[in-house]
Amino acid sequence: MAALSLSPRALYEEVAESLRQRIFNRELAPGSWIDELKIAEAYGISRTPLREALKVLAAEGLVTMKVRRGAYVTEVSERDLADVYHLLSLLESDAVGVVATTATALEIEELQALHQELENTAKPENLNTAAFFEINERFHLRLLEIANNRWRDQMVADLRKVMKLNRHNSLLKSGRIEESLNEHRAVMKAVSERNSALSIQKMQEHFKNGLEAAN
């Protein structure tokens, strides 16, 4: 097998990112064993940078290391998912409350533009689930950037990686995309009206409904 081409950045980081995307794309399924020898051969690398990459993914919660058994793609239990959604709800509702109070008019326009992209992507004639996921994530990350707390941003980034292990199950349920859009509309309305308390409430409802759809 020909070795895959890797870019010049730190080798283990490049390997970690490649494996991360393969996990998100379900090429490496939840619960599956990661064959280190096979993957090292495919990338044309030794097992040392691969093991460093697996440590990174284990720290993110995407990989579970089992004694004398090796590395496995993490399986997210109902309890895990509930815990992740609970923390995301707390962190992102806090962020949206800040945004409703402190964002500039231009920043709110940016969020509205991202929301409009979501609306356009969700139209039946253009429905593209992968694009919807990507734009939805950009919306939430931009909101966090505007709220401007790097410690919260890091916690959310790690939690969202774990959520991605299960995310396809939620929005693919019948009617969930339209429900999610309605929830985003409510959040944006509250933010545009500078209603911090209502923004927090609507974001919490968004995560509550997302968790119910994910189970």
C-alpha atoms as a PDB file:
ATOM      1  CA  MET A   1       0.000   0.000   0.000  1.00  0.00           C
ATOM      2  CA  ALA A   2       1.373   3.430  -0.936  1.00  0.00           C
ATOM      3  CA  ALA A   3       2.080   5.723   2.039  1.00  0.00           C
ATOM      4  CA  LEU A   4      -0.380   8.578   2.477  1.00  0.00           C
ATOM      5  CA  SER A   5       1.075  12.064   2.064  1.00  0.00           C
ATOM      6  CA  LEU A   6       1.294  14.118   5.274  1.00  0.00           C
ATOM      7  CA  SER A   7       1.952  17.852   5.578  1.00  0.00           C
ATOM      8  CA  PRO A   8       5.047  19.284   7.290  1.00  0.00           C
ATOM      9  CA  ARG A   9       3.463  20.189  10.657  1.00  0.00           C
ATOM     10  CA  ALA A  10       4.215  18.014  13.704  1.00  0.00           C
ATOM     11  CA  LEU A  11       3.693  14.480  12.494  1.00  0.00           C
ATOM     12  CA  TYR A  12       1.637  13.237  15.420  1.00  0.00           C
ATOM     13  CA  GLU A  13      -0.698  16.275  15.108  1.00  0.00           C
ATOM     14  CA  GLU A  14      -1.269  15.527  11.439  1.00  0.00           C
ATOM     15  CA  VAL A  15      -1.963  11.890  12.209  1.00  0.00           C
ATOM     16  CA  ALA A  16      -4.330  12.884  15.040  1.00  0.00           C
ATOM     17  CA  GLU A  17      -6.291  15.186  12.726  1.00  0.00           C
ATOM     18  CA  SER A  18      -6.536  12.523  10.021  1.00  0.00           C
ATOM     19  CA  LEU A  19      -7.804   9.940  12.511  1.00  0.00           C
ATOM     20  CA  ARG A  20     -10.149  12.497  14.078  1.00  0.00           C
ATOM     21  CA  GLN A  21     -11.828  13.118  10.736  1.00  0.00           C
ATOM     22  CA  ARG A  22     -12.042   9.397  10.004  1.00  0.00           C
ATOM     23  CA  ILE A  23     -13.803   8.936  13.342  1.00  0.00           C
ATOM     24  CA  PHE A  24     -16.222  11.784  12.648  1.00  0.00           C
ATOM     25  CA  ASN A  25     -16.923  10.361   9.172  1.00  0.00           C
ATOM     26  CA  ARG A  26     -17.554   6.886  10.649  1.00  0.00           C
ATOM     27  CA  GLU A  27     -14.686   5.337   8.695  1.00  0.00           C
ATOM     28  CA  LEU A  28     -13.585   4.252  12.161  1.00  0.00           C
ATOM     29  CA  ALA A  29     -16.827   3.242  13.850  1.00  0.00           C
ATOM     30  CA  PRO A  30     -17.651   3.710  17.544  1.00  0.00           C
ATOM     31  CA  GLY A  31     -16.414   0.704  19.501  1.00  0.00           C
ATOM     32  CA  SER A  32     -14.034  -0.449  16.770  1.00  0.00           C
ATOM     33  CA  TRP A  33     -10.463  -1.490  17.562  1.00  0.00           C
ATOM     34  CA  ILE A  34      -7.756   0.725  16.086  1.00  0.00           C
ATOM     35  CA  ASP A  35      -5.242  -1.499  14.326  1.00  0.00           C
ATOM     36  CA  GLU A  36      -2.023   0.410  15.017  1.00  0.00           C
ATOM     37  CA  LEU A  37       0.144  -1.702  12.722  1.00  0.00           C
ATOM     38  CA  LYS A  38      -2.220  -1.369   9.775  1.00  0.00           C
ATOM     39  CA  ILE A  39      -2.675   2.385  10.241  1.00  0.00           C
ATOM     40  CA  ALA A  40       1.066   2.992  10.686  1.00  0.00           C
ATOM     41  CA  GLU A  41       1.710   1.118   7.434  1.00  0.00           C
ATOM     42  CA  ALA A  42      -1.019   3.082   5.637  1.00  0.00           C
ATOM     43  CA  TYR A  43       0.531   6.400   6.705  1.00  0.00           C
ATOM     44  CA  GLY A  44       4.082   5.225   6.138  1.00  0.00           C
ATOM     45  CA  ILE A  45       5.118   6.087   9.685  1.00  0.00           C
ATOM     46  CA  SER A  46       6.444   4.326  12.775  1.00  0.00           C
ATOM     47  CA  ARG A  47       4.115   3.490  15.632  1.00  0.00           C
ATOM     48  CA  THR A  48       5.666   6.187  17.864  1.00  0.00           C
ATOM     49  CA  PRO A  49       3.925   9.224  16.267  1.00  0.00           C
ATOM     50  CA  LEU A  50       0.775   7.141  15.894  1.00  0.00           C
ATOM     51  CA  ARG A  51       0.740   6.408  19.624  1.00  0.00           C
ATOM     52  CA  GLU A  52       1.302  10.096  20.376  1.00  0.00           C
ATOM     53  CA  ALA A  53      -1.677  10.894  18.131  1.00  0.00           C
ATOM     54  CA  LEU A  54      -3.803   8.340  19.955  1.00  0.00           C
ATOM     55  CA  LYS A  55      -2.899   9.975  23.281  1.00  0.00           C
ATOM     56  CA  VAL A  56      -4.202  13.282  21.902  1.00  0.00           C
ATOM     57  CA  LEU A  57      -7.456  11.667  20.792  1.00  0.00           C
ATOM     58  CA  ALA A  58      -7.789   9.874  24.137  1.00  0.00           C
ATOM     59  CA  ALA A  59      -7.432  13.222  25.949  1.00  0.00           C
ATOM     60  CA  GLU A  60     -10.246  14.573  23.745  1.00  0.00           C
ATOM     61  CA  GLY A  61     -12.451  11.603  24.595  1.00  0.00           C
ATOM     62  CA  LEU A  62     -12.580  10.278  21.024  1.00  0.00           C
ATOM     63  CA  VAL A  63     -10.434   7.229  21.749  1.00  0.00           C
ATOM     64  CA  THR A  64     -10.494   4.901  24.755  1.00  0.00           C
ATOM     65  CA  MET A  65      -7.272   3.157  25.771  1.00  0.00           C
ATOM     66  CA  LYS A  66      -7.786  -0.327  27.242  1.00  0.00           C
ATOM     67  CA  VAL A  67      -5.027  -2.050  29.210  1.00  0.00           C
ATOM     68  CA  ARG A  68      -3.341  -4.808  27.166  1.00  0.00           C
ATOM     69  CA  ARG A  69      -6.030  -4.444  24.493  1.00  0.00           C
ATOM     70  CA  GLY A  70      -5.038  -1.242  22.729  1.00  0.00           C
ATOM     71  CA  ALA A  71      -7.056   1.741  21.488  1.00  0.00           C
ATOM     72  CA  TYR A  72     -10.741   1.764  20.583  1.00  0.00           C
ATOM     73  CA  VAL A  73     -12.988   4.431  19.122  1.00  0.00           C
ATOM     74  CA  THR A  74     -15.082   5.671  22.030  1.00  0.00           C
ATOM     75  CA  GLU A  75     -18.676   4.533  22.279  1.00  0.00           C
ATOM     76  CA  VAL A  76     -20.861   7.266  23.760  1.00  0.00           C
ATOM     77  CA  SER A  77     -23.385   5.946  26.273  1.00  0.00           C
ATOM     78  CA  GLU A  78     -26.696   7.643  27.014  1.00  0.00           C
ATOM     79  CA  ARG A  79     -25.188   8.878  30.281  1.00  0.00           C
ATOM     80  CA  ASP A  80     -22.134  10.265  28.460  1.00  0.00           C
ATOM     81  CA  LEU A  81     -24.346  12.069  25.977  1.00  0.00           C
ATOM     82  CA  ALA A  82     -26.573  13.507  28.701  1.00  0.00           C
ATOM     83  CA  ASP A  83     -23.512  14.768  30.581  1.00  0.00           C
ATOM     84  CA  VAL A  84     -22.031  16.372  27.455  1.00  0.00           C
ATOM     85  CA  TYR A  85     -25.289  18.087  26.498  1.00  0.00           C
ATOM     86  CA  HIS A  86     -25.751  19.299  30.093  1.00  0.00           C
ATOM     87  CA  LEU A  87     -22.342  20.968  30.116  1.00  0.00           C
ATOM     88  CA  LEU A  88     -22.742  22.407  26.619  1.00  0.00           C
ATOM     89  CA  SER A  89     -26.110  23.834  27.621  1.00  0.00           C
ATOM     90  CA  LEU A  90     -24.560  25.555  30.641  1.00  0.00           C
ATOM     91  CA  LEU A  91     -21.575  26.918  28.731  1.00  0.00           C
ATOM     92  CA  GLU A  92     -23.295  28.008  25.532  1.00  0.00           C
ATOM     93  CA  SER A  93     -26.346  29.492  27.255  1.00  0.00           C
ATOM     94  CA  ASP A  94     -23.959  31.543  29.388  1.00  0.00           C
ATOM     95  CA  ALA A  95     -22.169  32.653  26.206  1.00  0.00           C
ATOM     96  CA  VAL A  96     -25.353  33.670  24.416  1.00  0.00           C
ATOM     97  CA  GLY A  97     -26.393  35.713  27.447  1.00  0.00           C
ATOM     98  CA  VAL A  98     -23.118  37.619  27.161  1.00  0.00           C
ATOM     99  CA  VAL A  99     -23.589  38.085  23.416  1.00  0.00           C
ATOM    100  CA  ALA A 100     -27.092  39.494  23.846  1.00  0.00           C
ATOM    101  CA  THR A 101     -25.663  42.089  26.225  1.00  0.00           C
ATOM    102  CA  THR A 102     -22.292  42.992  24.706  1.00  0.00           C
ATOM    103  CA  ALA A 103     -22.236  42.144  20.969  1.00  0.00           C
ATOM    104  CA  THR A 104     -21.932  44.952  18.469  1.00  0.00           C
ATOM    105  CA  ALA A 105     -24.554  45.439  15.786  1.00  0.00           C
ATOM    106  CA  LEU A 106     -22.062  44.089  13.243  1.00  0.00           C
ATOM    107  CA  GLU A 107     -21.465  40.937  15.283  1.00  0.00           C
ATOM    108  CA  ILE A 108     -25.186  40.291  15.534  1.00  0.00           C
ATOM    109  CA  GLU A 109     -25.424  40.762  11.760  1.00  0.00           C
ATOM    110  CA  GLU A 110     -22.706  38.093  11.369  1.00  0.00           C
ATOM    111  CA  LEU A 111     -24.757  35.659  13.450  1.00  0.00           C
ATOM    112  CA  GLN A 112     -27.871  36.499  11.463  1.00  0.00           C
ATOM    113  CA  ALA A 113     -25.988  35.858   8.217  1.00  0.00           C
ATOM    114  CA  LEU A 114     -24.858  32.437   9.469  1.00  0.00           C
ATOM    115  CA  HIS A 115     -28.397  31.668  10.558  1.00  0.00           C
ATOM    116  CA  GLN A 116     -29.643  32.611   7.088  1.00  0.00           C
ATOM    117  CA  GLU A 117     -27.129  30.178   5.596  1.00  0.00           C
ATOM    118  CA  LEU A 118     -28.693  27.496   7.796  1.00  0.00           C
ATOM    119  CA  GLU A 119     -32.148  28.467   6.568  1.00  0.00           C
ATOM    120  CA  ASN A 120     -31.027  28.263   2.939  1.00  0.00           C
ATOM    121  CA  THR A 121     -29.284  24.903   3.403  1.00  0.00           C
ATOM    122  CA  ALA A 122     -32.357  23.406   5.072  1.00  0.00           C
ATOM    123  CA  LYS A 123     -34.753  24.255   2.220  1.00  0.00           C
ATOM    124  CA  PRO A 124     -36.121  21.017   0.733  1.00  0.00           C
ATOM    125  CA  GLU A 125     -34.737  21.835  -2.712  1.00  0.00           C
ATOM    126  CA  ASN A 126     -31.219  22.414  -1.335  1.00  0.00           C
ATOM    127  CA  LEU A 127     -31.171  20.138   1.734  1.00  0.00           C
ATOM    128  CA  ASN A 128     -27.594  19.122   2.428  1.00  0.00           C
ATOM    129  CA  THR A 129     -27.207  17.521   5.843  1.00  0.00           C
ATOM    130  CA  ALA A 130     -23.394  17.696   5.868  1.00  0.00           C
ATOM    131  CA  ALA A 131     -23.490  21.415   5.017  1.00  0.00           C
ATOM    132  CA  PHE A 132     -26.132  21.978   7.693  1.00  0.00           C
ATOM    133  CA  PHE A 133     -23.864  20.376  10.323  1.00  0.00           C
ATOM    134  CA  GLU A 134     -20.919  22.491   9.185  1.00  0.00           C
ATOM    135  CA  ILE A 135     -22.795  25.813   9.174  1.00  0.00           C
ATOM    136  CA  ASN A 136     -24.503  25.016  12.463  1.00  0.00           C
ATOM    137  CA  GLU A 137     -21.106  24.451  14.059  1.00  0.00           C
ATOM    138  CA  ARG A 138     -19.773  27.710  12.594  1.00  0.00           C
ATOM    139  CA  PHE A 139     -22.775  29.544  14.082  1.00  0.00           C
ATOM    140  CA  HIS A 140     -22.151  28.173  17.563  1.00  0.00           C
ATOM    141  CA  LEU A 141     -18.390  28.746  17.387  1.00  0.00           C
ATOM    142  CA  ARG A 142     -18.837  32.330  16.170  1.00  0.00           C
ATOM    143  CA  LEU A 143     -21.237  32.984  19.024  1.00  0.00           C
ATOM    144  CA  LEU A 144     -18.585  31.718  21.446  1.00  0.00           C
ATOM    145  CA  GLU A 145     -15.907  33.890  19.832  1.00  0.00           C
ATOM    146  CA  ILE A 146     -18.081  36.959  20.287  1.00  0.00           C
ATOM    147  CA  ALA A 147     -18.655  36.065  23.946  1.00  0.00           C
ATOM    148  CA  ASN A 148     -14.833  36.063  24.228  1.00  0.00           C
ATOM    149  CA  ASN A 149     -13.835  33.643  26.971  1.00  0.00           C
ATOM    150  CA  ARG A 150     -10.999  31.401  25.783  1.00  0.00           C
ATOM    151  CA  TRP A 151     -11.356  28.973  28.690  1.00  0.00           C
ATOM    152  CA  ARG A 152     -15.008  28.395  27.889  1.00  0.00           C
ATOM    153  CA  ASP A 153     -14.112  28.072  24.198  1.00  0.00           C
ATOM    154  CA  GLN A 154     -11.625  25.276  24.949  1.00  0.00           C
ATOM    155  CA  MET A 155     -14.090  23.364  27.097  1.00  0.00           C
ATOM    156  CA  VAL A 156     -16.804  23.650  24.447  1.00  0.00           C
ATOM    157  CA  ALA A 157     -14.409  22.578  21.671  1.00  0.00           C
ATOM    158  CA  ASP A 158     -13.544  19.377  23.553  1.00  0.00           C
ATOM    159  CA  LEU A 159     -17.183  18.626  24.406  1.00  0.00           C
ATOM    160  CA  ARG A 160     -18.295  19.183  20.820  1.00  0.00           C
ATOM    161  CA  LYS A 161     -15.757  16.633  19.598  1.00  0.00           C
ATOM    162  CA  VAL A 162     -17.394  14.019  21.797  1.00  0.00           C
ATOM    163  CA  MET A 163     -20.858  15.156  20.692  1.00  0.00           C
ATOM    164  CA  LYS A 164     -19.837  14.578  17.069  1.00  0.00           C
ATOM    165  CA  LEU A 165     -19.527  10.872  17.820  1.00  0.00           C
ATOM    166  CA  ASN A 166     -23.318  10.836  18.046  1.00  0.00           C
ATOM    167  CA  ARG A 167     -24.476  13.948  16.224  1.00  0.00           C
ATOM    168  CA  HIS A 168     -25.687  12.226  13.048  1.00  0.00           C
ATOM    169  CA  ASN A 169     -28.374  10.445  15.043  1.00  0.00           C
ATOM    170  CA  SER A 170     -30.135  13.629  16.162  1.00  0.00           C
ATOM    171  CA  LEU A 171     -30.593  15.870  13.128  1.00  0.00           C
ATOM    172  CA  LEU A 172     -31.379  12.927  10.868  1.00  0.00           C
ATOM    173  CA  LYS A 173     -34.546  12.183  12.825  1.00  0.00           C
ATOM    174  CA  SER A 174     -37.693  13.183  10.984  1.00  0.00           C
ATOM    175  CA  GLY A 175     -38.515  16.843  11.538  1.00  0.00           C
ATOM    176  CA  ARG A 176     -35.480  17.572  13.721  1.00  0.00           C
ATOM    177  CA  ILE A 177     -33.807  19.940  11.247  1.00  0.00           C
ATOM    178  CA  GLU A 178     -36.911  22.153  11.121  1.00  0.00           C
ATOM    179  CA  GLU A 179     -37.224  22.016  14.913  1.00  0.00           C
ATOM    180  CA  SER A 180     -33.568  22.990  15.264  1.00  0.00           C
ATOM    181  CA  LEU A 181     -34.098  25.905  12.890  1.00  0.00           C
ATOM    182  CA  ASN A 182     -37.092  27.099  14.903  1.00  0.00           C
ATOM    183  CA  GLU A 183     -34.930  26.998  18.032  1.00  0.00           C
ATOM    184  CA  HIS A 184     -32.191  28.997  16.277  1.00  0.00           C
ATOM    185  CA  ARG A 185     -34.783  31.544  15.170  1.00  0.00           C
ATOM    186  CA  ALA A 186     -35.905  31.963  18.766  1.00  0.00           C
ATOM    187  CA  VAL A 187     -32.302  32.388  19.947  1.00  0.00           C
ATOM    188  CA  MET A 188     -31.554  34.967  17.254  1.00  0.00           C
ATOM    189  CA  LYS A 189     -34.749  36.894  17.986  1.00  0.00           C
ATOM    190  CA  ALA A 190     -33.860  37.124  21.667  1.00  0.00           C
ATOM    191  CA  VAL A 191     -30.262  38.133  20.909  1.00  0.00           C
ATOM    192  CA  SER A 192     -31.403  40.770  18.394  1.00  0.00           C
ATOM    193  CA  GLU A 193     -33.763  42.181  21.019  1.00  0.00           C
ATOM    194  CA  ARG A 194     -30.866  42.279  23.525  1.00  0.00           C
ATOM    195  CA  ASN A 195     -32.853  40.066  25.877  1.00  0.00           C
ATOM    196  CA  SER A 196     -30.137  38.207  27.763  1.00  0.00           C
ATOM    197  CA  ALA A 197     -32.436  36.162  30.017  1.00  0.00           C
ATOM    198  CA  LEU A 198     -34.595  34.992  27.107  1.00  0.00           C
ATOM    199  CA  SER A 199     -31.499  34.204  25.028  1.00  0.00           C
ATOM    200  CA  ILE A 200     -30.226  31.955  27.818  1.00  0.00           C
ATOM    201  CA  GLN A 201     -33.613  30.232  28.125  1.00  0.00           C
ATOM    202  CA  LYS A 202     -33.912  29.613  24.376  1.00  0.00           C
ATOM    203  CA  MET A 203     -30.385  28.202  24.116  1.00  0.00           C
ATOM    204  CA  GLN A 204     -31.072  25.851  27.017  1.00  0.00           C
ATOM    205  CA  GLU A 205     -34.252  24.689  25.272  1.00  0.00           C
ATOM    206  CA  HIS A 206     -32.231  24.129  22.087  1.00  0.00           C
ATOM    207  CA  PHE A 207     -29.839  21.740  23.879  1.00  0.00           C
ATOM    208  CA  LYS A 208     -32.640  20.039  25.806  1.00  0.00           C
ATOM    209  CA  ASN A 209     -34.469  19.260  22.555  1.00  0.00           C
ATOM    210  CA  GLY A 210     -31.227  18.233  20.871  1.00  0.00           C
ATOM    211  CA  LEU A 211     -30.542  15.682  23.592  1.00  0.00           C
ATOM    212  CA  GLU A 212     -34.069  14.273  23.362  1.00  0.00           C
ATOM    213  CA  ALA A 213     -33.619  13.853  19.587  1.00  0.00           C
ATOM    214  CA  ALA A 214     -30.209  12.214  20.057  1.00  0.00           C
ATOM    215  CA  ASN A 215     -31.532   9.440  22.289  1.00  0.00           C
END
